[in-house]
């Protein structure tokens, strides 16, 4: 546990919920940042007349997701499912913008 994170045993239920609320906000911010960068990648692909989908890159993203899940002791299947959704979100946005 980092030094910035309060000890959960010393926090009230409301404080714990507020902590989750802050984490949720950070997750959404990171999704927005990831989506912005993915949109930029899509623009570069379009400028260079490259295919929208890169299965090799997608596989690397999934492998990294699994490795990071293990590193942080989180269920790898759950993390990979979330990343599949993120990839699909980016594909939908790329198709809509073309």
PDB file of N, CA and C in Angstrom:
ATOM      1  N   UNK A   1       0.848  -1.180   0.000  1.00  0.00           N
ATOM      2  CA  UNK A   1       0.000   0.000   0.000  1.00  0.00           C
ATOM      3  C   UNK A   1       0.894   1.244   0.000  1.00  0.00           C
ATOM      4  N   UNK A   2       0.568   2.233  -0.847  1.00  0.00           N
ATOM      5  CA  UNK A   2       1.395   3.428  -0.911  1.00  0.00           C
ATOM      6  C   UNK A   2       1.182   4.288   0.326  1.00  0.00           C
ATOM      7  N   UNK A   3       2.120   5.188   0.554  1.00  0.00           N
ATOM      8  CA  UNK A   3       2.019   6.055   1.724  1.00  0.00           C
ATOM      9  C   UNK A   3       0.897   7.066   1.574  1.00  0.00           C
ATOM     10  N   UNK A   4       0.421   7.336   0.343  1.00  0.00           N
ATOM     11  CA  UNK A   4      -0.658   8.287   0.112  1.00  0.00           C
ATOM     12  C   UNK A   4      -2.027   7.694   0.420  1.00  0.00           C
ATOM     13  N   UNK A   5      -2.122   6.376   0.418  1.00  0.00           N
ATOM     14  CA  UNK A   5      -3.405   5.725   0.629  1.00  0.00           C
ATOM     15  C   UNK A   5      -3.631   5.511   2.114  1.00  0.00           C
ATOM     16  N   UNK A   6      -4.756   6.006   2.629  1.00  0.00           N
ATOM     17  CA  UNK A   6      -5.049   5.810   4.058  1.00  0.00           C
ATOM     18  C   UNK A   6      -5.251   4.335   4.368  1.00  0.00           C
ATOM     19  N   UNK A   7      -5.010   3.970   5.609  1.00  0.00           N
ATOM     20  CA  UNK A   7      -5.227   2.593   6.062  1.00  0.00           C
ATOM     21  C   UNK A   7      -6.730   2.333   6.070  1.00  0.00           C
ATOM     22  N   UNK A   8      -7.210   1.363   5.248  1.00  0.00           N
ATOM     23  CA  UNK A   8      -8.652   1.108   5.169  1.00  0.00           C
ATOM     24  C   UNK A   8      -9.286   0.788   6.526  1.00  0.00           C
ATOM     25  N   UNK A   9      -8.547   0.193   7.430  1.00  0.00           N
ATOM     26  CA  UNK A   9      -9.113  -0.163   8.728  1.00  0.00           C
ATOM     27  C   UNK A   9      -9.401   1.069   9.581  1.00  0.00           C
ATOM     28  N   UNK A  10      -8.772   2.212   9.254  1.00  0.00           N
ATOM     29  CA  UNK A  10      -8.988   3.433  10.013  1.00  0.00           C
ATOM     30  C   UNK A  10      -9.993   4.366   9.329  1.00  0.00           C
ATOM     31  N   UNK A  11     -10.560   3.925   8.202  1.00  0.00           N
ATOM     32  CA  UNK A  11     -11.475   4.776   7.443  1.00  0.00           C
ATOM     33  C   UNK A  11     -12.927   4.370   7.701  1.00  0.00           C
ATOM     34  N   UNK A  12     -13.806   5.354   7.669  1.00  0.00           N
ATOM     35  CA  UNK A  12     -15.239   5.073   7.792  1.00  0.00           C
ATOM     36  C   UNK A  12     -15.750   4.578   6.447  1.00  0.00           C
ATOM     37  N   UNK A  13     -16.955   4.037   6.453  1.00  0.00           N
ATOM     38  CA  UNK A  13     -17.584   3.573   5.222  1.00  0.00           C
ATOM     39  C   UNK A  13     -17.723   4.720   4.225  1.00  0.00           C
ATOM     40  N   UNK A  14     -18.112   5.895   4.701  1.00  0.00           N
ATOM     41  CA  UNK A  14     -18.237   7.053   3.810  1.00  0.00           C
ATOM     42  C   UNK A  14     -16.890   7.437   3.207  1.00  0.00           C
ATOM     43  N   UNK A  15     -15.837   7.378   4.017  1.00  0.00           N
ATOM     44  CA  UNK A  15     -14.498   7.709   3.515  1.00  0.00           C
ATOM     45  C   UNK A  15     -14.054   6.684   2.464  1.00  0.00           C
ATOM     46  N   UNK A  16     -14.343   5.418   2.714  1.00  0.00           N
ATOM     47  CA  UNK A  16     -14.000   4.377   1.741  1.00  0.00           C
ATOM     48  C   UNK A  16     -14.755   4.581   0.435  1.00  0.00           C
ATOM     49  N   UNK A  17     -16.032   4.923   0.548  1.00  0.00           N
ATOM     50  CA  UNK A  17     -16.825   5.180  -0.657  1.00  0.00           C
ATOM     51  C   UNK A  17     -16.305   6.395  -1.406  1.00  0.00           C
ATOM     52  N   UNK A  18     -15.890   7.418  -0.684  1.00  0.00           N
ATOM     53  CA  UNK A  18     -15.309   8.606  -1.320  1.00  0.00           C
ATOM     54  C   UNK A  18     -14.012   8.244  -2.035  1.00  0.00           C
ATOM     55  N   UNK A  19     -13.235   7.362  -1.430  1.00  0.00           N
ATOM     56  CA  UNK A  19     -11.991   6.890  -2.054  1.00  0.00           C
ATOM     57  C   UNK A  19     -12.304   6.169  -3.365  1.00  0.00           C
ATOM     58  N   UNK A  20     -13.318   5.304  -3.345  1.00  0.00           N
ATOM     59  CA  UNK A  20     -13.718   4.600  -4.568  1.00  0.00           C
ATOM     60  C   UNK A  20     -14.209   5.595  -5.621  1.00  0.00           C
ATOM     61  N   UNK A  21     -14.961   6.590  -5.187  1.00  0.00           N
ATOM     62  CA  UNK A  21     -15.452   7.611  -6.119  1.00  0.00           C
ATOM     63  C   UNK A  21     -14.285   8.309  -6.823  1.00  0.00           C
ATOM     64  N   UNK A  22     -13.257   8.646  -6.072  1.00  0.00           N
ATOM     65  CA  UNK A  22     -12.081   9.277  -6.664  1.00  0.00           C
ATOM     66  C   UNK A  22     -11.362   8.354  -7.632  1.00  0.00           C
ATOM     67  N   UNK A  23     -11.234   7.098  -7.258  1.00  0.00           N
ATOM     68  CA  UNK A  23     -10.589   6.112  -8.137  1.00  0.00           C
ATOM     69  C   UNK A  23     -11.400   5.951  -9.420  1.00  0.00           C
ATOM     70  N   UNK A  24     -12.729   5.876  -9.294  1.00  0.00           N
ATOM     71  CA  UNK A  24     -13.586   5.748 -10.472  1.00  0.00           C
ATOM     72  C   UNK A  24     -13.391   6.924 -11.421  1.00  0.00           C
ATOM     73  N   UNK A  25     -13.292   8.125 -10.860  1.00  0.00           N
ATOM     74  CA  UNK A  25     -13.072   9.324 -11.675  1.00  0.00           C
ATOM     75  C   UNK A  25     -11.730   9.214 -12.417  1.00  0.00           C
ATOM     76  N   UNK A  26     -10.705   8.736 -11.727  1.00  0.00           N
ATOM     77  CA  UNK A  26      -9.398   8.561 -12.357  1.00  0.00           C
ATOM     78  C   UNK A  26      -9.458   7.519 -13.472  1.00  0.00           C
ATOM     79  N   UNK A  27     -10.207   6.439 -13.256  1.00  0.00           N
ATOM     80  CA  UNK A  27     -10.348   5.409 -14.288  1.00  0.00           C
ATOM     81  C   UNK A  27     -10.989   6.005 -15.541  1.00  0.00           C
ATOM     82  N   UNK A  28     -12.059   6.789 -15.359  1.00  0.00           N
ATOM     83  CA  UNK A  28     -12.729   7.398 -16.508  1.00  0.00           C
ATOM     84  C   UNK A  28     -11.787   8.374 -17.209  1.00  0.00           C
ATOM     85  N   UNK A  29     -11.013   9.128 -16.435  1.00  0.00           N
ATOM     86  CA  UNK A  29     -10.050  10.052 -17.031  1.00  0.00           C
ATOM     87  C   UNK A  29      -9.017   9.288 -17.865  1.00  0.00           C
ATOM     88  N   UNK A  30      -8.544   8.165 -17.350  1.00  0.00           N
ATOM     89  CA  UNK A  30      -7.573   7.360 -18.090  1.00  0.00           C
ATOM     90  C   UNK A  30      -8.189   6.765 -19.354  1.00  0.00           C
ATOM     91  N   UNK A  31      -9.451   6.349 -19.281  1.00  0.00           N
ATOM     92  CA  UNK A  31     -10.135   5.838 -20.478  1.00  0.00           C
ATOM     93  C   UNK A  31     -10.230   6.951 -21.517  1.00  0.00           C
ATOM     94  N   UNK A  32     -10.574   8.152 -21.077  1.00  0.00           N
ATOM     95  CA  UNK A  32     -10.669   9.286 -22.000  1.00  0.00           C
ATOM     96  C   UNK A  32      -9.309   9.581 -22.636  1.00  0.00           C
ATOM     97  N   UNK A  33      -8.248   9.555 -21.849  1.00  0.00           N
ATOM     98  CA  UNK A  33      -6.902   9.788 -22.391  1.00  0.00           C
ATOM     99  C   UNK A  33      -6.522   8.704 -23.380  1.00  0.00           C
ATOM    100  N   UNK A  34      -6.829   7.444 -23.033  1.00  0.00           N
ATOM    101  CA  UNK A  34      -6.503   6.323 -23.917  1.00  0.00           C
ATOM    102  C   UNK A  34      -7.276   6.455 -25.231  1.00  0.00           C
ATOM    103  N   UNK A  35      -8.546   6.839 -25.140  1.00  0.00           N
ATOM    104  CA  UNK A  35      -9.371   7.007 -26.330  1.00  0.00           C
ATOM    105  C   UNK A  35      -8.829   8.118 -27.216  1.00  0.00           C
ATOM    106  N   UNK A  36      -8.401   9.214 -26.613  1.00  0.00           N
ATOM    107  CA  UNK A  36      -7.828  10.328 -27.375  1.00  0.00           C
ATOM    108  C   UNK A  36      -6.579   9.874 -28.130  1.00  0.00           C
ATOM    109  N   UNK A  37      -5.700   9.157 -27.457  1.00  0.00           N
ATOM    110  CA  UNK A  37      -4.469   8.688 -28.109  1.00  0.00           C
ATOM    111  C   UNK A  37      -4.809   7.681 -29.211  1.00  0.00           C
ATOM    112  N   UNK A  38      -5.760   6.788 -28.944  1.00  0.00           N
ATOM    113  CA  UNK A  38      -6.170   5.819 -29.965  1.00  0.00           C
ATOM    114  C   UNK A  38      -6.755   6.534 -31.187  1.00  0.00           C
ATOM    115  N   UNK A  39      -7.515   7.608 -30.959  1.00  0.00           N
ATOM    116  CA  UNK A  39      -8.049   8.388 -32.079  1.00  0.00           C
ATOM    117  C   UNK A  39      -6.917   9.005 -32.892  1.00  0.00           C
ATOM    118  N   UNK A  40      -5.886   9.454 -32.208  1.00  0.00           N
ATOM    119  CA  UNK A  40      -4.724  10.026 -32.896  1.00  0.00           C
ATOM    120  C   UNK A  40      -4.022   8.950 -33.716  1.00  0.00           C
ATOM    121  N   UNK A  41      -3.896   7.755 -33.160  1.00  0.00           N
ATOM    122  CA  UNK A  41      -3.314   6.630 -33.904  1.00  0.00           C
ATOM    123  C   UNK A  41      -4.141   6.372 -35.158  1.00  0.00           C
ATOM    124  N   UNK A  42      -5.454   6.389 -35.020  1.00  0.00           N
ATOM    125  CA  UNK A  42      -6.339   6.155 -36.166  1.00  0.00           C
ATOM    126  C   UNK A  42      -6.127   7.211 -37.247  1.00  0.00           C
ATOM    127  N   UNK A  43      -5.933   8.465 -36.841  1.00  0.00           N
ATOM    128  CA  UNK A  43      -5.688   9.534 -37.815  1.00  0.00           C
ATOM    129  C   UNK A  43      -4.379   9.294 -38.563  1.00  0.00           C
ATOM    130  N   UNK A  44      -3.351   8.879 -37.836  1.00  0.00           N
ATOM    131  CA  UNK A  44      -2.054   8.590 -38.469  1.00  0.00           C
ATOM    132  C   UNK A  44      -2.210   7.423 -39.445  1.00  0.00           C
ATOM    133  N   UNK A  45      -2.939   6.393 -39.026  1.00  0.00           N
ATOM    134  CA  UNK A  45      -3.171   5.249 -39.912  1.00  0.00           C
ATOM    135  C   UNK A  45      -3.883   5.690 -41.188  1.00  0.00           C
ATOM    136  N   UNK A  46      -4.893   6.558 -41.025  1.00  0.00           N
ATOM    137  CA  UNK A  46      -5.640   7.026 -42.190  1.00  0.00           C
ATOM    138  C   UNK A  46      -4.743   7.839 -43.116  1.00  0.00           C
ATOM    139  N   UNK A  47      -3.914   8.722 -42.556  1.00  0.00           N
ATOM    140  CA  UNK A  47      -2.999   9.538 -43.357  1.00  0.00           C
ATOM    141  C   UNK A  47      -2.013   8.672 -44.127  1.00  0.00           C
ATOM    142  N   UNK A  48      -1.613   7.571 -43.528  1.00  0.00           N
ATOM    143  CA  UNK A  48      -0.621   6.680 -44.146  1.00  0.00           C
ATOM    144  C   UNK A  48      -1.270   5.526 -44.901  1.00  0.00           C
ATOM    145  N   UNK A  49      -2.593   5.568 -44.997  1.00  0.00           N
ATOM    146  CA  UNK A  49      -3.364   4.537 -45.693  1.00  0.00           C
ATOM    147  C   UNK A  49      -3.078   3.135 -45.149  1.00  0.00           C
ATOM    148  N   UNK A  50      -3.038   3.043 -43.827  1.00  0.00           N
ATOM    149  CA  UNK A  50      -2.811   1.763 -43.151  1.00  0.00           C
ATOM    150  C   UNK A  50      -4.154   1.206 -42.690  1.00  0.00           C
ATOM    151  N   UNK A  51      -4.246  -0.117 -42.545  1.00  0.00           N
ATOM    152  CA  UNK A  51      -5.508  -0.690 -42.066  1.00  0.00           C
ATOM    153  C   UNK A  51      -5.831  -0.232 -40.646  1.00  0.00           C
ATOM    154  N   UNK A  52      -7.124  -0.098 -40.373  1.00  0.00           N
ATOM    155  CA  UNK A  52      -7.567   0.342 -39.048  1.00  0.00           C
ATOM    156  C   UNK A  52      -7.212  -0.687 -37.988  1.00  0.00           C
ATOM    157  N   UNK A  53      -7.423  -1.957 -38.295  1.00  0.00           N
ATOM    158  CA  UNK A  53      -7.207  -3.024 -37.320  1.00  0.00           C
ATOM    159  C   UNK A  53      -5.803  -3.594 -37.474  1.00  0.00           C
ATOM    160  N   UNK A  54      -5.122  -3.764 -36.342  1.00  0.00           N
ATOM    161  CA  UNK A  54      -3.790  -4.371 -36.302  1.00  0.00           C
ATOM    162  C   UNK A  54      -3.840  -5.480 -35.254  1.00  0.00           C
ATOM    163  N   UNK A  55      -4.109  -6.697 -35.726  1.00  0.00           N
ATOM    164  CA  UNK A  55      -4.307  -7.806 -34.794  1.00  0.00           C
ATOM    165  C   UNK A  55      -3.055  -8.100 -33.966  1.00  0.00           C
ATOM    166  N   UNK A  56      -1.878  -7.900 -34.546  1.00  0.00           N
ATOM    167  CA  UNK A  56      -0.643  -8.105 -33.796  1.00  0.00           C
ATOM    168  C   UNK A  56      -0.534  -7.136 -32.635  1.00  0.00           C
ATOM    169  N   UNK A  57      -0.876  -5.888 -32.888  1.00  0.00           N
ATOM    170  CA  UNK A  57      -0.846  -4.874 -31.837  1.00  0.00           C
ATOM    171  C   UNK A  57      -1.888  -5.175 -30.767  1.00  0.00           C
ATOM    172  N   UNK A  58      -3.069  -5.600 -31.204  1.00  0.00           N
ATOM    173  CA  UNK A  58      -4.115  -5.950 -30.246  1.00  0.00           C
ATOM    174  C   UNK A  58      -3.652  -7.093 -29.342  1.00  0.00           C
ATOM    175  N   UNK A  59      -2.972  -8.062 -29.925  1.00  0.00           N
ATOM    176  CA  UNK A  59      -2.470  -9.193 -29.140  1.00  0.00           C
ATOM    177  C   UNK A  59      -1.447  -8.715 -28.112  1.00  0.00           C
ATOM    178  N   UNK A  60      -0.582  -7.795 -28.518  1.00  0.00           N
ATOM    179  CA  UNK A  60       0.407  -7.250 -27.580  1.00  0.00           C
ATOM    180  C   UNK A  60      -0.271  -6.510 -26.431  1.00  0.00           C
ATOM    181  N   UNK A  61      -1.326  -5.754 -26.749  1.00  0.00           N
ATOM    182  CA  UNK A  61      -2.080  -5.038 -25.712  1.00  0.00           C
ATOM    183  C   UNK A  61      -2.661  -6.042 -24.719  1.00  0.00           C
ATOM    184  N   UNK A  62      -3.224  -7.135 -25.233  1.00  0.00           N
ATOM    185  CA  UNK A  62      -3.830  -8.145 -24.366  1.00  0.00           C
ATOM    186  C   UNK A  62      -2.774  -8.838 -23.504  1.00  0.00           C
ATOM    187  N   UNK A  63      -1.615  -9.123 -24.083  1.00  0.00           N
ATOM    188  CA  UNK A  63      -0.538  -9.751 -23.311  1.00  0.00           C
ATOM    189  C   UNK A  63      -0.059  -8.826 -22.200  1.00  0.00           C
ATOM    190  N   UNK A  64       0.104  -7.537 -22.527  1.00  0.00           N
ATOM    191  CA  UNK A  64       0.514  -6.564 -21.501  1.00  0.00           C
ATOM    192  C   UNK A  64      -0.537  -6.468 -20.406  1.00  0.00           C
ATOM    193  N   UNK A  65      -1.812  -6.475 -20.799  1.00  0.00           N
ATOM    194  CA  UNK A  65      -2.896  -6.399 -19.812  1.00  0.00           C
ATOM    195  C   UNK A  65      -2.808  -7.578 -18.852  1.00  0.00           C
ATOM    196  N   UNK A  66      -2.594  -8.773 -19.390  1.00  0.00           N
ATOM    197  CA  UNK A  66      -2.476  -9.961 -18.544  1.00  0.00           C
ATOM    198  C   UNK A  66      -1.272  -9.885 -17.622  1.00  0.00           C
ATOM    199  N   UNK A  67      -0.141  -9.425 -18.157  1.00  0.00           N
ATOM    200  CA  UNK A  67       1.078  -9.299 -17.345  1.00  0.00           C
ATOM    201  C   UNK A  67       0.878  -8.276 -16.227  1.00  0.00           C
ATOM    202  N   UNK A  68       0.261  -7.142 -16.561  1.00  0.00           N
ATOM    203  CA  UNK A  68       0.019  -6.120 -15.540  1.00  0.00           C
ATOM    204  C   UNK A  68      -0.968  -6.612 -14.491  1.00  0.00           C
ATOM    205  N   UNK A  69      -1.958  -7.380 -14.918  1.00  0.00           N
ATOM    206  CA  UNK A  69      -2.913  -7.938 -13.958  1.00  0.00           C
ATOM    207  C   UNK A  69      -2.189  -8.824 -12.961  1.00  0.00           C
ATOM    208  N   UNK A  70      -1.324  -9.682 -13.456  1.00  0.00           N
ATOM    209  CA  UNK A  70      -0.572 -10.570 -12.565  1.00  0.00           C
ATOM    210  C   UNK A  70       0.329  -9.764 -11.643  1.00  0.00           C
ATOM    211  N   UNK A  71       0.950  -8.741 -12.188  1.00  0.00           N
ATOM    212  CA  UNK A  71       1.860  -7.903 -11.399  1.00  0.00           C
ATOM    213  C   UNK A  71       1.136  -7.257 -10.222  1.00  0.00           C
ATOM    214  N   UNK A  72      -0.122  -6.851 -10.448  1.00  0.00           N
ATOM    215  CA  UNK A  72      -0.893  -6.187  -9.397  1.00  0.00           C
ATOM    216  C   UNK A  72      -1.866  -7.131  -8.704  1.00  0.00           C
ATOM    217  N   UNK A  73      -1.719  -8.421  -8.958  1.00  0.00           N
ATOM    218  CA  UNK A  73      -2.525  -9.454  -8.311  1.00  0.00           C
ATOM    219  C   UNK A  73      -4.022  -9.223  -8.521  1.00  0.00           C
ATOM    220  N   UNK A  74      -4.375  -8.978  -9.785  1.00  0.00           N
ATOM    221  CA  UNK A  74      -5.765  -8.812 -10.189  1.00  0.00           C
ATOM    222  C   UNK A  74      -6.089  -9.925 -11.176  1.00  0.00           C
ATOM    223  N   UNK A  75      -7.334 -10.368 -11.204  1.00  0.00           N
ATOM    224  CA  UNK A  75      -7.753 -11.443 -12.095  1.00  0.00           C
ATOM    225  C   UNK A  75      -7.448 -11.077 -13.556  1.00  0.00           C
ATOM    226  N   UNK A  76      -6.554 -11.840 -14.191  1.00  0.00           N
ATOM    227  CA  UNK A  76      -6.116 -11.543 -15.555  1.00  0.00           C
ATOM    228  C   UNK A  76      -7.271 -11.642 -16.551  1.00  0.00           C
ATOM    229  N   UNK A  77      -8.174 -12.594 -16.376  1.00  0.00           N
ATOM    230  CA  UNK A  77      -9.301 -12.724 -17.302  1.00  0.00           C
ATOM    231  C   UNK A  77     -10.208 -11.504 -17.241  1.00  0.00           C
ATOM    232  N   UNK A  78     -10.431 -10.996 -16.048  1.00  0.00           N
ATOM    233  CA  UNK A  78     -11.254  -9.807 -15.891  1.00  0.00           C
ATOM    234  C   UNK A  78     -10.588  -8.593 -16.553  1.00  0.00           C
ATOM    235  N   UNK A  79      -9.297  -8.425 -16.314  1.00  0.00           N
ATOM    236  CA  UNK A  79      -8.566  -7.294 -16.898  1.00  0.00           C
ATOM    237  C   UNK A  79      -8.570  -7.400 -18.419  1.00  0.00           C
ATOM    238  N   UNK A  80      -8.359  -8.598 -18.948  1.00  0.00           N
ATOM    239  CA  UNK A  80      -8.368  -8.776 -20.402  1.00  0.00           C
ATOM    240  C   UNK A  80      -9.748  -8.478 -20.975  1.00  0.00           C
ATOM    241  N   UNK A  81     -10.802  -8.839 -20.265  1.00  0.00           N
ATOM    242  CA  UNK A  81     -12.158  -8.533 -20.729  1.00  0.00           C
ATOM    243  C   UNK A  81     -12.363  -7.017 -20.806  1.00  0.00           C
ATOM    244  N   UNK A  82     -11.859  -6.299 -19.820  1.00  0.00           N
ATOM    245  CA  UNK A  82     -11.956  -4.838 -19.830  1.00  0.00           C
ATOM    246  C   UNK A  82     -11.196  -4.269 -21.018  1.00  0.00           C
ATOM    247  N   UNK A  83     -10.016  -4.801 -21.289  1.00  0.00           N
ATOM    248  CA  UNK A  83      -9.221  -4.309 -22.417  1.00  0.00           C
ATOM    249  C   UNK A  83      -9.868  -4.653 -23.753  1.00  0.00           C
ATOM    250  N   UNK A  84     -10.534  -5.801 -23.837  1.00  0.00           N
ATOM    251  CA  UNK A  84     -11.279  -6.120 -25.065  1.00  0.00           C
ATOM    252  C   UNK A  84     -12.355  -5.060 -25.315  1.00  0.00           C
ATOM    253  N   UNK A  85     -13.026  -4.655 -24.237  1.00  0.00           N
ATOM    254  CA  UNK A  85     -14.038  -3.602 -24.364  1.00  0.00           C
ATOM    255  C   UNK A  85     -13.411  -2.281 -24.808  1.00  0.00           C
ATOM    256  N   UNK A  86     -12.264  -1.939 -24.240  1.00  0.00           N
ATOM    257  CA  UNK A  86     -11.583  -0.699 -24.630  1.00  0.00           C
ATOM    258  C   UNK A  86     -11.188  -0.728 -26.101  1.00  0.00           C
ATOM    259  N   UNK A  87     -10.676  -1.862 -26.554  1.00  0.00           N
ATOM    260  CA  UNK A  87     -10.290  -2.002 -27.961  1.00  0.00           C
ATOM    261  C   UNK A  87     -11.522  -1.866 -28.854  1.00  0.00           C
ATOM    262  N   UNK A  88     -12.626  -2.504 -28.465  1.00  0.00           N
ATOM    263  CA  UNK A  88     -13.861  -2.403 -29.249  1.00  0.00           C
ATOM    264  C   UNK A  88     -14.366  -0.966 -29.279  1.00  0.00           C
ATOM    265  N   UNK A  89     -14.290  -0.278 -28.143  1.00  0.00           N
ATOM    266  CA  UNK A  89     -14.687   1.123 -28.088  1.00  0.00           C
ATOM    267  C   UNK A  89     -13.892   1.930 -29.112  1.00  0.00           C
ATOM    268  N   UNK A  90     -12.588   1.717 -29.165  1.00  0.00           N
ATOM    269  CA  UNK A  90     -11.740   2.444 -30.106  1.00  0.00           C
ATOM    270  C   UNK A  90     -12.085   2.096 -31.548  1.00  0.00           C
ATOM    271  N   UNK A  91     -12.373   0.832 -31.816  1.00  0.00           N
ATOM    272  CA  UNK A  91     -12.728   0.430 -33.189  1.00  0.00           C
ATOM    273  C   UNK A  91     -14.022   1.099 -33.629  1.00  0.00           C
ATOM    274  N   UNK A  92     -15.014   1.129 -32.740  1.00  0.00           N
ATOM    275  CA  UNK A  92     -16.291   1.763 -33.068  1.00  0.00           C
ATOM    276  C   UNK A  92     -16.069   3.249 -33.358  1.00  0.00           C
ATOM    277  N   UNK A  93     -15.310   3.912 -32.517  1.00  0.00           N
ATOM    278  CA  UNK A  93     -15.053   5.342 -32.723  1.00  0.00           C
ATOM    279  C   UNK A  93     -14.286   5.577 -34.023  1.00  0.00           C
ATOM    280  N   UNK A  94     -13.343   4.692 -34.342  1.00  0.00           N
ATOM    281  CA  UNK A  94     -12.581   4.845 -35.584  1.00  0.00           C
ATOM    282  C   UNK A  94     -13.489   4.672 -36.800  1.00  0.00           C
ATOM    283  N   UNK A  95     -14.390   3.676 -36.733  1.00  0.00           N
ATOM    284  CA  UNK A  95     -15.315   3.460 -37.863  1.00  0.00           C
ATOM    285  C   UNK A  95     -16.241   4.653 -38.029  1.00  0.00           C
ATOM    286  N   UNK A  96     -16.703   5.205 -36.912  1.00  0.00           N
ATOM    287  CA  UNK A  96     -17.627   6.343 -36.988  1.00  0.00           C
ATOM    288  C   UNK A  96     -16.947   7.606 -37.513  1.00  0.00           C
ATOM    289  N   UNK A  97     -15.655   7.729 -37.270  1.00  0.00           N
ATOM    290  CA  UNK A  97     -14.951   8.945 -37.692  1.00  0.00           C
ATOM    291  C   UNK A  97     -14.461   8.868 -39.144  1.00  0.00           C
ATOM    292  N   UNK A  98     -14.525   7.688 -39.750  1.00  0.00           N
ATOM    293  CA  UNK A  98     -14.062   7.560 -41.144  1.00  0.00           C
ATOM    294  C   UNK A  98     -15.137   7.881 -42.126  1.00  0.00           C
TER     295      UNK A  98
END
